[in-house]
Amino acid sequence: MMIIFLTYLRPKKEFELKEDFSNYKEIEYDTFPSLISGSSNEKRNYNEYWAKRIVTYGEYFKNSGDNFIRGILVERKDSIYGNNNEFKYKDRYLFVNKKISVRD
């Protein structure tokens, strides 16, 4: 069985993540896990299948006009490897650079 969990990594310091994401291993992040890893009350509100694949958070912008959401979505798949049934994860990094137009 394959289970996929998403986590969103947002840089702690604004503009610290380079435009080409080349320094993504060198900076600190705020972490937003899948909804399924939230409280038991939150789990009841979402179908478990989709809750593993949804990350939600709020973002405030200082200025109106064009702004960007920049970070990394980490897609984690569980797997069992080897003769000893060693449990390991496979991660896939999806780099996010989304332009957002903010109105007053």
PDB file of N, CA and C in Angstrom:
ATOM      1  N   MET A   1       0.840  -1.181   0.000  1.00  0.00           N
ATOM      2  CA  MET A   1       0.000   0.000   0.000  1.00  0.00           C
ATOM      3  C   MET A   1       0.883   1.242   0.000  1.00  0.00           C
ATOM      4  N   MET A   2       0.521   2.212  -0.799  1.00  0.00           N
ATOM      5  CA  MET A   2       1.271   3.457  -0.882  1.00  0.00           C
ATOM      6  C   MET A   2       0.495   4.561  -0.186  1.00  0.00           C
ATOM      7  N   ILE A   3       1.172   5.271   0.709  1.00  0.00           N
ATOM      8  CA  ILE A   3       0.556   6.407   1.385  1.00  0.00           C
ATOM      9  C   ILE A   3       1.402   7.627   1.064  1.00  0.00           C
ATOM     10  N   ILE A   4       0.768   8.670   0.597  1.00  0.00           N
ATOM     11  CA  ILE A   4       1.487   9.898   0.277  1.00  0.00           C
ATOM     12  C   ILE A   4       1.054  10.984   1.251  1.00  0.00           C
ATOM     13  N   PHE A   5       2.036  11.639   1.855  1.00  0.00           N
ATOM     14  CA  PHE A   5       1.790  12.775   2.729  1.00  0.00           C
ATOM     15  C   PHE A   5       2.459  13.995   2.128  1.00  0.00           C
ATOM     16  N   LEU A   6       1.812  15.140   2.232  1.00  0.00           N
ATOM     17  CA  LEU A   6       2.408  16.394   1.775  1.00  0.00           C
ATOM     18  C   LEU A   6       2.803  17.239   2.973  1.00  0.00           C
ATOM     19  N   THR A   7       3.889  17.956   2.832  1.00  0.00           N
ATOM     20  CA  THR A   7       4.323  18.945   3.804  1.00  0.00           C
ATOM     21  C   THR A   7       4.754  20.167   3.011  1.00  0.00           C
ATOM     22  N   TYR A   8       4.403  21.362   3.497  1.00  0.00           N
ATOM     23  CA  TYR A   8       4.839  22.585   2.844  1.00  0.00           C
ATOM     24  C   TYR A   8       5.922  23.221   3.699  1.00  0.00           C
ATOM     25  N   LEU A   9       7.047  23.527   3.094  1.00  0.00           N
ATOM     26  CA  LEU A   9       8.150  24.210   3.769  1.00  0.00           C
ATOM     27  C   LEU A   9       8.198  25.648   3.277  1.00  0.00           C
ATOM     28  N   ARG A  10       8.052  26.570   4.215  1.00  0.00           N
ATOM     29  CA  ARG A  10       8.085  28.000   3.896  1.00  0.00           C
ATOM     30  C   ARG A  10       9.293  28.608   4.586  1.00  0.00           C
ATOM     31  N   PRO A  11      10.138  29.357   3.864  1.00  0.00           N
ATOM     32  CA  PRO A  11      11.317  29.960   4.494  1.00  0.00           C
ATOM     33  C   PRO A  11      10.922  30.839   5.678  1.00  0.00           C
ATOM     34  N   LYS A  12      11.666  30.711   6.784  1.00  0.00           N
ATOM     35  CA  LYS A  12      11.382  31.525   7.975  1.00  0.00           C
ATOM     36  C   LYS A  12      11.645  33.000   7.719  1.00  0.00           C
ATOM     37  N   LYS A  13      12.684  33.294   6.918  1.00  0.00           N
ATOM     38  CA  LYS A  13      13.009  34.683   6.595  1.00  0.00           C
ATOM     39  C   LYS A  13      12.567  34.971   5.170  1.00  0.00           C
ATOM     40  N   GLU A  14      11.822  36.059   5.024  1.00  0.00           N
ATOM     41  CA  GLU A  14      11.335  36.441   3.702  1.00  0.00           C
ATOM     42  C   GLU A  14      12.496  36.705   2.756  1.00  0.00           C
ATOM     43  N   PHE A  15      12.392  36.277   1.531  1.00  0.00           N
ATOM     44  CA  PHE A  15      13.375  36.472   0.465  1.00  0.00           C
ATOM     45  C   PHE A  15      14.697  35.729   0.690  1.00  0.00           C
ATOM     46  N   GLU A  16      14.758  34.825   1.674  1.00  0.00           N
ATOM     47  CA  GLU A  16      16.002  34.080   1.905  1.00  0.00           C
ATOM     48  C   GLU A  16      16.202  32.960   0.880  1.00  0.00           C
ATOM     49  N   LEU A  17      15.119  32.401   0.382  1.00  0.00           N
ATOM     50  CA  LEU A  17      15.204  31.339  -0.610  1.00  0.00           C
ATOM     51  C   LEU A  17      15.524  31.955  -1.969  1.00  0.00           C
ATOM     52  N   LYS A  18      16.640  31.536  -2.555  1.00  0.00           N
ATOM     53  CA  LYS A  18      17.062  32.101  -3.831  1.00  0.00           C
ATOM     54  C   LYS A  18      16.039  31.800  -4.924  1.00  0.00           C
ATOM     55  N   GLU A  19      16.029  32.650  -5.936  1.00  0.00           N
ATOM     56  CA  GLU A  19      15.063  32.521  -7.026  1.00  0.00           C
ATOM     57  C   GLU A  19      15.147  31.164  -7.722  1.00  0.00           C
ATOM     58  N   ASP A  20      16.359  30.615  -7.820  1.00  0.00           N
ATOM     59  CA  ASP A  20      16.525  29.312  -8.472  1.00  0.00           C
ATOM     60  C   ASP A  20      16.476  28.146  -7.483  1.00  0.00           C
ATOM     61  N   PHE A  21      16.155  28.416  -6.218  1.00  0.00           N
ATOM     62  CA  PHE A  21      16.020  27.420  -5.152  1.00  0.00           C
ATOM     63  C   PHE A  21      17.330  26.685  -4.844  1.00  0.00           C
ATOM     64  N   SER A  22      18.465  27.197  -5.299  1.00  0.00           N
ATOM     65  CA  SER A  22      19.744  26.496  -5.139  1.00  0.00           C
ATOM     66  C   SER A  22      20.199  26.399  -3.682  1.00  0.00           C
ATOM     67  N   ASN A  23      19.687  27.230  -2.792  1.00  0.00           N
ATOM     68  CA  ASN A  23      20.093  27.185  -1.380  1.00  0.00           C
ATOM     69  C   ASN A  23      19.035  26.538  -0.488  1.00  0.00           C
ATOM     70  N   TYR A  24      18.146  25.746  -1.047  1.00  0.00           N
ATOM     71  CA  TYR A  24      17.031  25.217  -0.264  1.00  0.00           C
ATOM     72  C   TYR A  24      17.470  24.306   0.889  1.00  0.00           C
ATOM     73  N   LYS A  25      18.632  23.698   0.803  1.00  0.00           N
ATOM     74  CA  LYS A  25      19.114  22.828   1.885  1.00  0.00           C
ATOM     75  C   LYS A  25      19.803  23.613   2.993  1.00  0.00           C
ATOM     76  N   GLU A  26      20.048  24.899   2.786  1.00  0.00           N
ATOM     77  CA  GLU A  26      20.861  25.694   3.704  1.00  0.00           C
ATOM     78  C   GLU A  26      20.061  26.636   4.601  1.00  0.00           C
ATOM     79  N   ILE A  27      18.765  26.726   4.420  1.00  0.00           N
ATOM     80  CA  ILE A  27      17.985  27.702   5.185  1.00  0.00           C
ATOM     81  C   ILE A  27      16.986  27.008   6.102  1.00  0.00           C
ATOM     82  N   GLU A  28      16.420  27.777   7.041  1.00  0.00           N
ATOM     83  CA  GLU A  28      15.427  27.254   7.976  1.00  0.00           C
ATOM     84  C   GLU A  28      14.023  27.505   7.444  1.00  0.00           C
ATOM     85  N   TYR A  29      13.111  26.601   7.787  1.00  0.00           N
ATOM     86  CA  TYR A  29      11.737  26.666   7.296  1.00  0.00           C
ATOM     87  C   TYR A  29      10.728  26.585   8.428  1.00  0.00           C
ATOM     88  N   ASP A  30       9.569  27.178   8.177  1.00  0.00           N
ATOM     89  CA  ASP A  30       8.371  26.858   8.935  1.00  0.00           C
ATOM     90  C   ASP A  30       7.747  25.677   8.209  1.00  0.00           C
ATOM     91  N   THR A  31       7.211  24.727   8.954  1.00  0.00           N
ATOM     92  CA  THR A  31       6.689  23.503   8.364  1.00  0.00           C
ATOM     93  C   THR A  31       5.187  23.423   8.550  1.00  0.00           C
ATOM     94  N   PHE A  32       4.462  23.163   7.466  1.00  0.00           N
ATOM     95  CA  PHE A  32       3.016  23.006   7.489  1.00  0.00           C
ATOM     96  C   PHE A  32       2.703  21.591   7.014  1.00  0.00           C
ATOM     97  N   PRO A  33       2.347  20.682   7.929  1.00  0.00           N
ATOM     98  CA  PRO A  33       2.104  19.283   7.547  1.00  0.00           C
ATOM     99  C   PRO A  33       0.727  19.079   6.930  1.00  0.00           C
ATOM    100  N   SER A  34       0.508  17.896   6.393  1.00  0.00           N
ATOM    101  CA  SER A  34      -0.799  17.505   5.862  1.00  0.00           C
ATOM    102  C   SER A  34      -1.862  17.668   6.940  1.00  0.00           C
ATOM    103  N   LEU A  35      -3.094  17.860   6.523  1.00  0.00           N
ATOM    104  CA  LEU A  35      -4.189  18.002   7.477  1.00  0.00           C
ATOM    105  C   LEU A  35      -4.356  16.767   8.359  1.00  0.00           C
ATOM    106  N   ILE A  36      -4.032  15.596   7.837  1.00  0.00           N
ATOM    107  CA  ILE A  36      -4.233  14.363   8.588  1.00  0.00           C
ATOM    108  C   ILE A  36      -3.366  14.328   9.840  1.00  0.00           C
ATOM    109  N   SER A  37      -2.258  15.066   9.868  1.00  0.00           N
ATOM    110  CA  SER A  37      -1.396  15.053  11.036  1.00  0.00           C
ATOM    111  C   SER A  37      -1.794  16.115  12.056  1.00  0.00           C
ATOM    112  N   GLY A  38      -2.944  16.757  11.858  1.00  0.00           N
ATOM    113  CA  GLY A  38      -3.450  17.744  12.806  1.00  0.00           C
ATOM    114  C   GLY A  38      -4.162  17.097  13.979  1.00  0.00           C
ATOM    115  N   SER A  39      -4.953  17.874  14.700  1.00  0.00           N
ATOM    116  CA  SER A  39      -5.663  17.355  15.872  1.00  0.00           C
ATOM    117  C   SER A  39      -6.755  16.377  15.458  1.00  0.00           C
ATOM    118  N   SER A  40      -7.242  15.619  16.417  1.00  0.00           N
ATOM    119  CA  SER A  40      -8.285  14.632  16.111  1.00  0.00           C
ATOM    120  C   SER A  40      -9.574  15.314  15.652  1.00  0.00           C
ATOM    121  N   ASN A  41      -9.846  16.535  16.121  1.00  0.00           N
ATOM    122  CA  ASN A  41     -11.027  17.265  15.652  1.00  0.00           C
ATOM    123  C   ASN A  41     -10.915  17.602  14.179  1.00  0.00           C
ATOM    124  N   GLU A  42      -9.704  18.011  13.755  1.00  0.00           N
ATOM    125  CA  GLU A  42      -9.501  18.321  12.339  1.00  0.00           C
ATOM    126  C   GLU A  42      -9.654  17.072  11.486  1.00  0.00           C
ATOM    127  N   LYS A  43      -9.183  15.938  11.981  1.00  0.00           N
ATOM    128  CA  LYS A  43      -9.264  14.697  11.223  1.00  0.00           C
ATOM    129  C   LYS A  43     -10.703  14.311  10.920  1.00  0.00           C
ATOM    130  N   ARG A  44     -11.607  14.606  11.820  1.00  0.00           N
ATOM    131  CA  ARG A  44     -13.012  14.252  11.605  1.00  0.00           C
ATOM    132  C   ARG A  44     -13.645  15.075  10.492  1.00  0.00           C
ATOM    133  N   ASN A  45     -13.085  16.237  10.220  1.00  0.00           N
ATOM    134  CA  ASN A  45     -13.657  17.125   9.217  1.00  0.00           C
ATOM    135  C   ASN A  45     -13.222  16.806   7.795  1.00  0.00           C
ATOM    136  N   TYR A  46     -12.262  15.925   7.631  1.00  0.00           N
ATOM    137  CA  TYR A  46     -11.727  15.644   6.304  1.00  0.00           C
ATOM    138  C   TYR A  46     -11.686  14.145   6.054  1.00  0.00           C
ATOM    139  N   ASN A  47     -11.960  13.774   4.835  1.00  0.00           N
ATOM    140  CA  ASN A  47     -11.787  12.396   4.429  1.00  0.00           C
ATOM    141  C   ASN A  47     -10.297  12.071   4.539  1.00  0.00           C
ATOM    142  N   GLU A  48      -9.961  10.950   5.173  1.00  0.00           N
ATOM    143  CA  GLU A  48      -8.555  10.627   5.423  1.00  0.00           C
ATOM    144  C   GLU A  48      -7.737  10.561   4.138  1.00  0.00           C
ATOM    145  N   TYR A  49      -8.299  10.046   3.084  1.00  0.00           N
ATOM    146  CA  TYR A  49      -7.575   9.942   1.808  1.00  0.00           C
ATOM    147  C   TYR A  49      -7.094  11.311   1.341  1.00  0.00           C
ATOM    148  N   TRP A  50      -7.981  12.296   1.337  1.00  0.00           N
ATOM    149  CA  TRP A  50      -7.620  13.621   0.837  1.00  0.00           C
ATOM    150  C   TRP A  50      -6.843  14.421   1.860  1.00  0.00           C
ATOM    151  N   ALA A  51      -7.074  14.189   3.135  1.00  0.00           N
ATOM    152  CA  ALA A  51      -6.391  14.971   4.165  1.00  0.00           C
ATOM    153  C   ALA A  51      -4.881  14.761   4.127  1.00  0.00           C
ATOM    154  N   LYS A  52      -4.416  13.605   3.683  1.00  0.00           N
ATOM    155  CA  LYS A  52      -2.982  13.359   3.561  1.00  0.00           C
ATOM    156  C   LYS A  52      -2.388  14.163   2.413  1.00  0.00           C
ATOM    157  N   ARG A  53      -3.233  14.584   1.499  1.00  0.00           N
ATOM    158  CA  ARG A  53      -2.763  15.256   0.288  1.00  0.00           C
ATOM    159  C   ARG A  53      -3.060  16.756   0.285  1.00  0.00           C
ATOM    160  N   ILE A  54      -3.501  17.292   1.417  1.00  0.00           N
ATOM    161  CA  ILE A  54      -3.859  18.707   1.505  1.00  0.00           C
ATOM    162  C   ILE A  54      -3.031  19.386   2.591  1.00  0.00           C
ATOM    163  N   VAL A  55      -2.452  20.528   2.245  1.00  0.00           N
ATOM    164  CA  VAL A  55      -1.756  21.369   3.203  1.00  0.00           C
ATOM    165  C   VAL A  55      -2.430  22.728   3.142  1.00  0.00           C
ATOM    166  N   THR A  56      -2.719  23.296   4.302  1.00  0.00           N
ATOM    167  CA  THR A  56      -3.371  24.601   4.309  1.00  0.00           C
ATOM    168  C   THR A  56      -2.689  25.521   5.321  1.00  0.00           C
ATOM    169  N   TYR A  57      -2.599  26.789   4.987  1.00  0.00           N
ATOM    170  CA  TYR A  57      -2.061  27.799   5.886  1.00  0.00           C
ATOM    171  C   TYR A  57      -2.486  29.162   5.366  1.00  0.00           C
ATOM    172  N   GLY A  58      -2.322  30.205   6.181  1.00  0.00           N
ATOM    173  CA  GLY A  58      -2.669  31.562   5.782  1.00  0.00           C
ATOM    174  C   GLY A  58      -1.412  32.372   5.513  1.00  0.00           C
ATOM    175  N   GLU A  59      -1.515  33.321   4.634  1.00  0.00           N
ATOM    176  CA  GLU A  59      -0.372  34.172   4.279  1.00  0.00           C
ATOM    177  C   GLU A  59      -0.841  35.623   4.269  1.00  0.00           C
ATOM    178  N   TYR A  60      -0.079  36.490   4.926  1.00  0.00           N
ATOM    179  CA  TYR A  60      -0.377  37.918   4.918  1.00  0.00           C
ATOM    180  C   TYR A  60       0.713  38.627   4.128  1.00  0.00           C
ATOM    181  N   PHE A  61       0.320  39.619   3.336  1.00  0.00           N
ATOM    182  CA  PHE A  61       1.271  40.374   2.544  1.00  0.00           C
ATOM    183  C   PHE A  61       1.291  41.817   3.021  1.00  0.00           C
ATOM    184  N   LYS A  62       2.479  42.411   3.089  1.00  0.00           N
ATOM    185  CA  LYS A  62       2.634  43.794   3.545  1.00  0.00           C
ATOM    186  C   LYS A  62       2.112  44.787   2.516  1.00  0.00           C
ATOM    187  N   ASN A  63       2.268  44.447   1.242  1.00  0.00           N
ATOM    188  CA  ASN A  63       1.935  45.377   0.164  1.00  0.00           C
ATOM    189  C   ASN A  63       0.892  44.780  -0.768  1.00  0.00           C
ATOM    190  N   SER A  64       0.057  45.655  -1.317  1.00  0.00           N
ATOM    191  CA  SER A  64      -0.862  45.197  -2.356  1.00  0.00           C
ATOM    192  C   SER A  64      -0.077  45.099  -3.666  1.00  0.00           C
ATOM    193  N   GLY A  65      -0.722  44.525  -4.678  1.00  0.00           N
ATOM    194  CA  GLY A  65      -0.046  44.325  -5.962  1.00  0.00           C
ATOM    195  C   GLY A  65       0.472  42.902  -6.079  1.00  0.00           C
ATOM    196  N   ASP A  66       1.477  42.723  -6.910  1.00  0.00           N
ATOM    197  CA  ASP A  66       2.015  41.380  -7.140  1.00  0.00           C
ATOM    198  C   ASP A  66       2.933  40.951  -6.002  1.00  0.00           C
ATOM    199  N   ASN A  67       2.676  39.782  -5.466  1.00  0.00           N
ATOM    200  CA  ASN A  67       3.476  39.151  -4.429  1.00  0.00           C
ATOM    201  C   ASN A  67       3.685  37.698  -4.833  1.00  0.00           C
ATOM    202  N   PHE A  68       4.541  37.001  -4.088  1.00  0.00           N
ATOM    203  CA  PHE A  68       4.830  35.611  -4.434  1.00  0.00           C
ATOM    204  C   PHE A  68       4.732  34.713  -3.214  1.00  0.00           C
ATOM    205  N   ILE A  69       4.228  33.512  -3.437  1.00  0.00           N
ATOM    206  CA  ILE A  69       4.303  32.445  -2.448  1.00  0.00           C
ATOM    207  C   ILE A  69       5.447  31.554  -2.919  1.00  0.00           C
ATOM    208  N   ARG A  70       6.492  31.453  -2.083  1.00  0.00           N
ATOM    209  CA  ARG A  70       7.670  30.661  -2.444  1.00  0.00           C
ATOM    210  C   ARG A  70       7.948  29.659  -1.347  1.00  0.00           C
ATOM    211  N   GLY A  71       8.182  28.429  -1.737  1.00  0.00           N
ATOM    212  CA  GLY A  71       8.501  27.394  -0.774  1.00  0.00           C
ATOM    213  C   GLY A  71       8.630  26.055  -1.467  1.00  0.00           C
ATOM    214  N   ILE A  72       8.543  25.009  -0.672  1.00  0.00           N
ATOM    215  CA  ILE A  72       8.725  23.659  -1.201  1.00  0.00           C
ATOM    216  C   ILE A  72       7.628  22.751  -0.672  1.00  0.00           C
ATOM    217  N   LEU A  73       6.946  22.074  -1.575  1.00  0.00           N
ATOM    218  CA  LEU A  73       6.027  21.004  -1.199  1.00  0.00           C
ATOM    219  C   LEU A  73       6.825  19.709  -1.192  1.00  0.00           C
ATOM    220  N   VAL A  74       6.782  18.995  -0.088  1.00  0.00           N
ATOM    221  CA  VAL A  74       7.478  17.716  -0.002  1.00  0.00           C
ATOM    222  C   VAL A  74       6.424  16.617  -0.049  1.00  0.00           C
ATOM    223  N   GLU A  75       6.517  15.805  -1.072  1.00  0.00           N
ATOM    224  CA  GLU A  75       5.608  14.679  -1.243  1.00  0.00           C
ATOM    225  C   GLU A  75       6.342  13.445  -0.728  1.00  0.00           C
ATOM    226  N   ARG A  76       5.805  12.805   0.312  1.00  0.00           N
ATOM    227  CA  ARG A  76       6.479  11.670   0.940  1.00  0.00           C
ATOM    228  C   ARG A  76       5.683  10.395   0.706  1.00  0.00           C
ATOM    229  N   LYS A  77       6.348   9.410   0.159  1.00  0.00           N
ATOM    230  CA  LYS A  77       5.749   8.104  -0.095  1.00  0.00           C
ATOM    231  C   LYS A  77       6.427   7.094   0.824  1.00  0.00           C
ATOM    232  N   ASP A  78       5.647   6.292   1.527  1.00  0.00           N
ATOM    233  CA  ASP A  78       6.253   5.264   2.360  1.00  0.00           C
ATOM    234  C   ASP A  78       6.535   4.029   1.520  1.00  0.00           C
ATOM    235  N   SER A  79       7.578   3.328   1.873  1.00  0.00           N
ATOM    236  CA  SER A  79       7.989   2.146   1.126  1.00  0.00           C
ATOM    237  C   SER A  79       8.646   1.156   2.074  1.00  0.00           C
ATOM    238  N   ILE A  80       8.668  -0.097   1.688  1.00  0.00           N
ATOM    239  CA  ILE A  80       9.389  -1.120   2.429  1.00  0.00           C
ATOM    240  C   ILE A  80      10.461  -1.665   1.502  1.00  0.00           C
ATOM    241  N   TYR A  81      11.707  -1.669   1.989  1.00  0.00           N
ATOM    242  CA  TYR A  81      12.852  -2.084   1.191  1.00  0.00           C
ATOM    243  C   TYR A  81      13.529  -3.296   1.812  1.00  0.00           C
ATOM    244  N   GLY A  82      14.253  -4.022   1.018  1.00  0.00           N
ATOM    245  CA  GLY A  82      15.190  -5.026   1.467  1.00  0.00           C
ATOM    246  C   GLY A  82      14.584  -6.268   2.086  1.00  0.00           C
ATOM    247  N   ASN A  83      15.465  -7.208   2.414  1.00  0.00           N
ATOM    248  CA  ASN A  83      15.059  -8.484   2.999  1.00  0.00           C
ATOM    249  C   ASN A  83      14.573  -8.351   4.429  1.00  0.00           C
ATOM    250  N   ASN A  84      15.028  -7.336   5.138  1.00  0.00           N
ATOM    251  CA  ASN A  84      14.644  -7.144   6.542  1.00  0.00           C
ATOM    252  C   ASN A  84      13.409  -6.268   6.680  1.00  0.00           C
ATOM    253  N   ASN A  85      12.703  -6.032   5.583  1.00  0.00           N
ATOM    254  CA  ASN A  85      11.530  -5.152   5.578  1.00  0.00           C
ATOM    255  C   ASN A  85      11.835  -3.793   6.211  1.00  0.00           C
ATOM    256  N   GLU A  86      12.982  -3.249   5.838  1.00  0.00           N
ATOM    257  CA  GLU A  86      13.350  -1.933   6.333  1.00  0.00           C
ATOM    258  C   GLU A  86      12.386  -0.896   5.774  1.00  0.00           C
ATOM    259  N   PHE A  87      11.898  -0.039   6.641  1.00  0.00           N
ATOM    260  CA  PHE A  87      10.926   0.971   6.257  1.00  0.00           C
ATOM    261  C   PHE A  87      11.652   2.275   5.977  1.00  0.00           C
ATOM    262  N   LYS A  88      11.501   2.796   4.781  1.00  0.00           N
ATOM    263  CA  LYS A  88      12.135   4.052   4.398  1.00  0.00           C
ATOM    264  C   LYS A  88      11.131   4.906   3.640  1.00  0.00           C
ATOM    265  N   TYR A  89      11.476   6.174   3.516  1.00  0.00           N
ATOM    266  CA  TYR A  89      10.631   7.106   2.770  1.00  0.00           C
ATOM    267  C   TYR A  89      11.309   7.507   1.468  1.00  0.00           C
ATOM    268  N   LYS A  90      10.491   7.791   0.491  1.00  0.00           N
ATOM    269  CA  LYS A  90      10.959   8.434  -0.735  1.00  0.00           C
ATOM    270  C   LYS A  90      10.316   9.810  -0.761  1.00  0.00           C
ATOM    271  N   ASP A  91      11.129  10.829  -0.848  1.00  0.00           N
ATOM    272  CA  ASP A  91      10.629  12.203  -0.888  1.00  0.00           C
ATOM    273  C   ASP A  91      10.810  12.776  -2.274  1.00  0.00           C
ATOM    274  N   ARG A  92       9.822  13.576  -2.682  1.00  0.00           N
ATOM    275  CA  ARG A  92       9.920  14.328  -3.929  1.00  0.00           C
ATOM    276  C   ARG A  92       9.670  15.785  -3.583  1.00  0.00           C
ATOM    277  N   TYR A  93      10.582  16.655  -4.009  1.00  0.00           N
ATOM    278  CA  TYR A  93      10.475  18.078  -3.723  1.00  0.00           C
ATOM    279  C   TYR A  93       9.849  18.791  -4.913  1.00  0.00           C
ATOM    280  N   LEU A  94       8.775  19.528  -4.648  1.00  0.00           N
ATOM    281  CA  LEU A  94       8.090  20.312  -5.676  1.00  0.00           C
ATOM    282  C   LEU A  94       8.273  21.783  -5.303  1.00  0.00           C
ATOM    283  N   PHE A  95       9.026  22.501  -6.095  1.00  0.00           N
ATOM    284  CA  PHE A  95       9.354  23.891  -5.784  1.00  0.00           C
ATOM    285  C   PHE A  95       8.218  24.805  -6.240  1.00  0.00           C
ATOM    286  N   VAL A  96       7.769  25.646  -5.308  1.00  0.00           N
ATOM    287  CA  VAL A  96       6.613  26.510  -5.542  1.00  0.00           C
ATOM    288  C   VAL A  96       7.070  27.957  -5.665  1.00  0.00           C
ATOM    289  N   ASN A  97       6.675  28.598  -6.742  1.00  0.00           N
ATOM    290  CA  ASN A  97       6.923  30.024  -6.954  1.00  0.00           C
ATOM    291  C   ASN A  97       5.679  30.585  -7.629  1.00  0.00           C
ATOM    292  N   LYS A  98       4.675  30.908  -6.835  1.00  0.00           N
ATOM    293  CA  LYS A  98       3.352  31.295  -7.354  1.00  0.00           C
ATOM    294  C   LYS A  98       3.137  32.793  -7.176  1.00  0.00           C
ATOM    295  N   LYS A  99       2.830  33.447  -8.282  1.00  0.00           N
ATOM    296  CA  LYS A  99       2.532  34.884  -8.257  1.00  0.00           C
ATOM    297  C   LYS A  99       1.088  35.085  -7.775  1.00  0.00           C
ATOM    298  N   ILE A 100       0.926  35.989  -6.821  1.00  0.00           N
ATOM    299  CA  ILE A 100      -0.382  36.301  -6.243  1.00  0.00           C
ATOM    300  C   ILE A 100      -0.614  37.811  -6.378  1.00  0.00           C
ATOM    301  N   SER A 101      -1.760  38.205  -6.897  1.00  0.00           N
ATOM    302  CA  SER A 101      -2.104  39.627  -6.979  1.00  0.00           C
ATOM    303  C   SER A 101      -2.994  39.974  -5.794  1.00  0.00           C
ATOM    304  N   VAL A 102      -2.523  40.891  -4.965  1.00  0.00           N
ATOM    305  CA  VAL A 102      -3.213  41.273  -3.730  1.00  0.00           C
ATOM    306  C   VAL A 102      -3.865  42.629  -3.936  1.00  0.00           C
ATOM    307  N   ARG A 103      -5.136  42.715  -3.579  1.00  0.00           N
ATOM    308  CA  ARG A 103      -5.878  43.983  -3.670  1.00  0.00           C
ATOM    309  C   ARG A 103      -5.950  44.635  -2.291  1.00  0.00           C
ATOM    310  N   ASP A 104      -6.113  45.957  -2.283  1.00  0.00           N
ATOM    311  CA  ASP A 104      -6.303  46.684  -1.003  1.00  0.00           C
ATOM    312  C   ASP A 104      -7.601  46.302  -0.356  1.00  0.00           C
TER     313      ASP A 104
END
